[in-house]
C-alpha atoms as a PDB file:
ATOM      1  CA  UNK A   1      -0.181  -0.147   0.291  1.00  0.00           C
ATOM      2  CA  UNK A   2       2.818   2.429   1.102  1.00  0.00           C
ATOM      3  CA  UNK A   3       4.226   1.753  -2.393  1.00  0.00           C
ATOM      4  CA  UNK A   4       0.609   2.623  -4.350  1.00  0.00           C
ATOM      5  CA  UNK A   5       1.179   6.209  -2.791  1.00  0.00           C
ATOM      6  CA  UNK A   6       3.047   7.902  -5.294  1.00  0.00           C
ATOM      7  CA  UNK A   7       0.620   7.070  -7.897  1.00  0.00           C
ATOM      8  CA  UNK A   8      -1.870   8.906  -6.839  1.00  0.00           C
ATOM      9  CA  UNK A   9      -2.248  11.679  -9.462  1.00  0.00           C
ATOM     10  CA  UNK A  10      -2.229  14.918  -8.495  1.00  0.00           C
ATOM     11  CA  UNK A  11      -4.937  16.841 -10.406  1.00  0.00           C
ATOM     12  CA  UNK A  12      -3.932  20.012 -10.162  1.00  0.00           C
ATOM     13  CA  UNK A  13       0.097  19.377 -11.440  1.00  0.00           C
ATOM     14  CA  UNK A  14      -1.139  19.553 -15.001  1.00  0.00           C
ATOM     15  CA  UNK A  15      -1.781  24.126 -14.747  1.00  0.00           C
ATOM     16  CA  UNK A  16       1.533  24.101 -13.071  1.00  0.00           C
ATOM     17  CA  UNK A  17      -0.022  25.262  -9.464  1.00  0.00           C
ATOM     18  CA  UNK A  18      -0.101  22.191  -6.615  1.00  0.00           C
ATOM     19  CA  UNK A  19      -4.317  22.256  -4.569  1.00  0.00           C
ATOM     20  CA  UNK A  20      -2.348  23.890  -1.790  1.00  0.00           C
ATOM     21  CA  UNK A  21      -1.169  26.954  -2.950  1.00  0.00           C
ATOM     22  CA  UNK A  22      -4.350  27.006  -4.817  1.00  0.00           C
ATOM     23  CA  UNK A  23      -6.015  27.213  -1.404  1.00  0.00           C
ATOM     24  CA  UNK A  24      -3.732  29.382   0.413  1.00  0.00           C
ATOM     25  CA  UNK A  25      -2.904  31.353  -2.404  1.00  0.00           C
ATOM     26  CA  UNK A  26      -5.266  34.815  -2.101  1.00  0.00           C
ATOM     27  CA  UNK A  27      -6.397  36.353  -5.185  1.00  0.00           C
ATOM     28  CA  UNK A  28      -5.865  40.024  -3.919  1.00  0.00           C
ATOM     29  CA  UNK A  29      -4.884  42.865  -6.625  1.00  0.00           C
ATOM     30  CA  UNK A  30      -2.795  45.181  -4.814  1.00  0.00           C
ATOM     31  CA  UNK A  31      -2.912  48.093  -7.327  1.00  0.00           C
ATOM     32  CA  UNK A  32      -6.501  48.332  -7.483  1.00  0.00           C
ATOM     33  CA  UNK A  33      -6.920  48.241  -3.760  1.00  0.00           C
ATOM     34  CA  UNK A  34      -4.220  50.721  -3.684  1.00  0.00           C
ATOM     35  CA  UNK A  35      -5.633  52.681  -6.292  1.00  0.00           C
ATOM     36  CA  UNK A  36      -9.407  52.859  -5.070  1.00  0.00           C
ATOM     37  CA  UNK A  37      -8.098  53.894  -1.575  1.00  0.00           C
ATOM     38  CA  UNK A  38      -6.219  56.988  -3.111  1.00  0.00           C
ATOM     39  CA  UNK A  39      -9.534  57.955  -5.197  1.00  0.00           C
ATOM     40  CA  UNK A  40     -11.328  57.761  -1.672  1.00  0.00           C
ATOM     41  CA  UNK A  41      -8.905  59.371   0.071  1.00  0.00           C
ATOM     42  CA  UNK A  42      -9.416  62.230  -3.185  1.00  0.00           C
ATOM     43  CA  UNK A  43     -12.939  62.632  -2.775  1.00  0.00           C
ATOM     44  CA  UNK A  44     -12.246  63.487   0.545  1.00  0.00           C
ATOM     45  CA  UNK A  45      -9.616  66.173   0.026  1.00  0.00           C
ATOM     46  CA  UNK A  46     -11.967  67.564  -2.276  1.00  0.00           C
ATOM     47  CA  UNK A  47     -14.729  67.846   0.177  1.00  0.00           C
ATOM     48  CA  UNK A  48     -12.564  68.288   2.699  1.00  0.00           C
ATOM     49  CA  UNK A  49     -13.951  65.528   4.363  1.00  0.00           C
ATOM     50  CA  UNK A  50     -10.830  64.950   6.224  1.00  0.00           C
ATOM     51  CA  UNK A  51     -10.220  64.284  10.312  1.00  0.00           C
ATOM     52  CA  UNK A  52      -8.024  63.523  12.514  1.00  0.00           C
ATOM     53  CA  UNK A  53      -8.103  59.737  13.850  1.00  0.00           C
ATOM     54  CA  UNK A  54      -6.803  59.887  16.975  1.00  0.00           C
ATOM     55  CA  UNK A  55      -5.482  56.396  18.371  1.00  0.00           C
ATOM     56  CA  UNK A  56      -7.375  54.799  21.254  1.00  0.00           C
ATOM     57  CA  UNK A  57      -6.359  51.085  22.541  1.00  0.00           C
ATOM     58  CA  UNK A  58      -6.194  49.384  19.859  1.00  0.00           C
ATOM     59  CA  UNK A  59      -8.748  51.468  17.291  1.00  0.00           C
ATOM     60  CA  UNK A  60      -9.282  55.204  16.587  1.00  0.00           C
ATOM     61  CA  UNK A  61     -11.833  57.530  16.649  1.00  0.00           C
ATOM     62  CA  UNK A  62     -12.157  61.003  14.724  1.00  0.00           C
ATOM     63  CA  UNK A  63     -13.292  63.993  17.001  1.00  0.00           C
ATOM     64  CA  UNK A  64     -16.813  64.138  15.792  1.00  0.00           C
ATOM     65  CA  UNK A  65     -17.400  60.352  16.753  1.00  0.00           C
ATOM     66  CA  UNK A  66     -15.534  60.873  20.079  1.00  0.00           C
ATOM     67  CA  UNK A  67     -17.745  63.434  21.051  1.00  0.00           C
ATOM     68  CA  UNK A  68     -21.019  61.381  19.760  1.00  0.00           C
ATOM     69  CA  UNK A  69     -19.652  58.835  22.398  1.00  0.00           C
ATOM     70  CA  UNK A  70     -18.457  61.477  25.086  1.00  0.00           C
ATOM     71  CA  UNK A  71     -22.625  62.968  24.819  1.00  0.00           C
ATOM     72  CA  UNK A  72     -23.996  58.995  24.631  1.00  0.00           C
ATOM     73  CA  UNK A  73     -21.907  58.212  27.536  1.00  0.00           C
ATOM     74  CA  UNK A  74     -23.059  61.378  29.341  1.00  0.00           C
ATOM     75  CA  UNK A  75     -26.578  61.163  28.798  1.00  0.00           C
ATOM     76  CA  UNK A  76     -26.753  57.542  29.853  1.00  0.00           C
ATOM     77  CA  UNK A  77     -24.417  58.574  33.410  1.00  0.00           C
ATOM     78  CA  UNK A  78     -26.927  61.399  34.077  1.00  0.00           C
ATOM     79  CA  UNK A  79     -29.746  58.920  33.857  1.00  0.00           C
ATOM     80  CA  UNK A  80     -28.676  56.365  35.907  1.00  0.00           C
ATOM     81  CA  UNK A  81     -27.675  58.855  38.630  1.00  0.00           C
ATOM     82  CA  UNK A  82     -31.484  59.855  38.405  1.00  0.00           C
ATOM     83  CA  UNK A  83     -32.352  56.327  39.283  1.00  0.00           C
ATOM     84  CA  UNK A  84     -30.229  56.212  41.757  1.00  0.00           C
ATOM     85  CA  UNK A  85     -30.979  59.638  43.428  1.00  0.00           C
ATOM     86  CA  UNK A  86     -34.959  58.715  42.857  1.00  0.00           C
ATOM     87  CA  UNK A  87     -34.588  54.894  44.708  1.00  0.00           C
ATOM     88  CA  UNK A  88     -32.057  56.072  47.692  1.00  0.00           C
ATOM     89  CA  UNK A  89     -35.011  58.215  48.204  1.00  0.00           C
ATOM     90  CA  UNK A  90     -37.702  56.184  48.088  1.00  0.00           C
ATOM     91  CA  UNK A  91     -35.996  54.060  50.531  1.00  0.00           C
ATOM     92  CA  UNK A  92     -34.969  56.952  52.563  1.00  0.00           C
ATOM     93  CA  UNK A  93     -38.909  58.084  52.624  1.00  0.00           C
ATOM     94  CA  UNK A  94     -39.649  53.986  53.566  1.00  0.00           C
ATOM     95  CA  UNK A  95     -37.073  54.177  56.392  1.00  0.00           C
ATOM     96  CA  UNK A  96     -38.769  57.151  57.672  1.00  0.00           C
ATOM     97  CA  UNK A  97     -42.226  55.952  57.963  1.00  0.00           C
ATOM     98  CA  UNK A  98     -40.864  53.042  59.237  1.00  0.00           C
ATOM     99  CA  UNK A  99     -39.304  54.325  61.940  1.00  0.00           C
ATOM    100  CA  UNK A 100     -42.341  56.807  62.411  1.00  0.00           C
ATOM    101  CA  UNK A 101     -44.937  53.689  62.888  1.00  0.00           C
ATOM    102  CA  UNK A 102     -41.972  51.807  65.458  1.00  0.00           C
ATOM    103  CA  UNK A 103     -42.352  54.884  67.361  1.00  0.00           C
ATOM    104  CA  UNK A 104     -45.912  55.342  68.037  1.00  0.00           C
ATOM    105  CA  UNK A 105     -45.869  54.447  72.103  1.00  0.00           C
ATOM    106  CA  UNK A 106     -48.216  51.721  72.730  1.00  0.00           C
ATOM    107  CA  UNK A 107     -50.450  53.722  75.979  1.00  0.00           C
ATOM    108  CA  UNK A 108     -52.522  50.272  75.883  1.00  0.00           C
ATOM    109  CA  UNK A 109     -50.624  48.390  78.219  1.00  0.00           C
ATOM    110  CA  UNK A 110     -50.846  51.113  80.913  1.00  0.00           C
ATOM    111  CA  UNK A 111     -55.524  50.995  81.163  1.00  0.00           C
END
């Protein structure tokens, strides 16, 4: 059986490329990729739509994107603070009510 391994036909050898090379080779046209990027940059320059990107961790954000994120974060934070304040006020009222009910002296035992 080991002797027959050499007789297995390589279907890709007729084209000059092995099957492994076809699988792992990436068909990328880097020239076209570069042209597309250059065209995109030309359009941005023409429209004055260029913003500086600031690296933040593994990503980067423009100033507008950062402002939008911070505005959304601030709104969420304000909502959370309002809910916490409301809950703490409600608990304080319940506790005060409970203490006032418990502080009433039962005078029935004196009779």
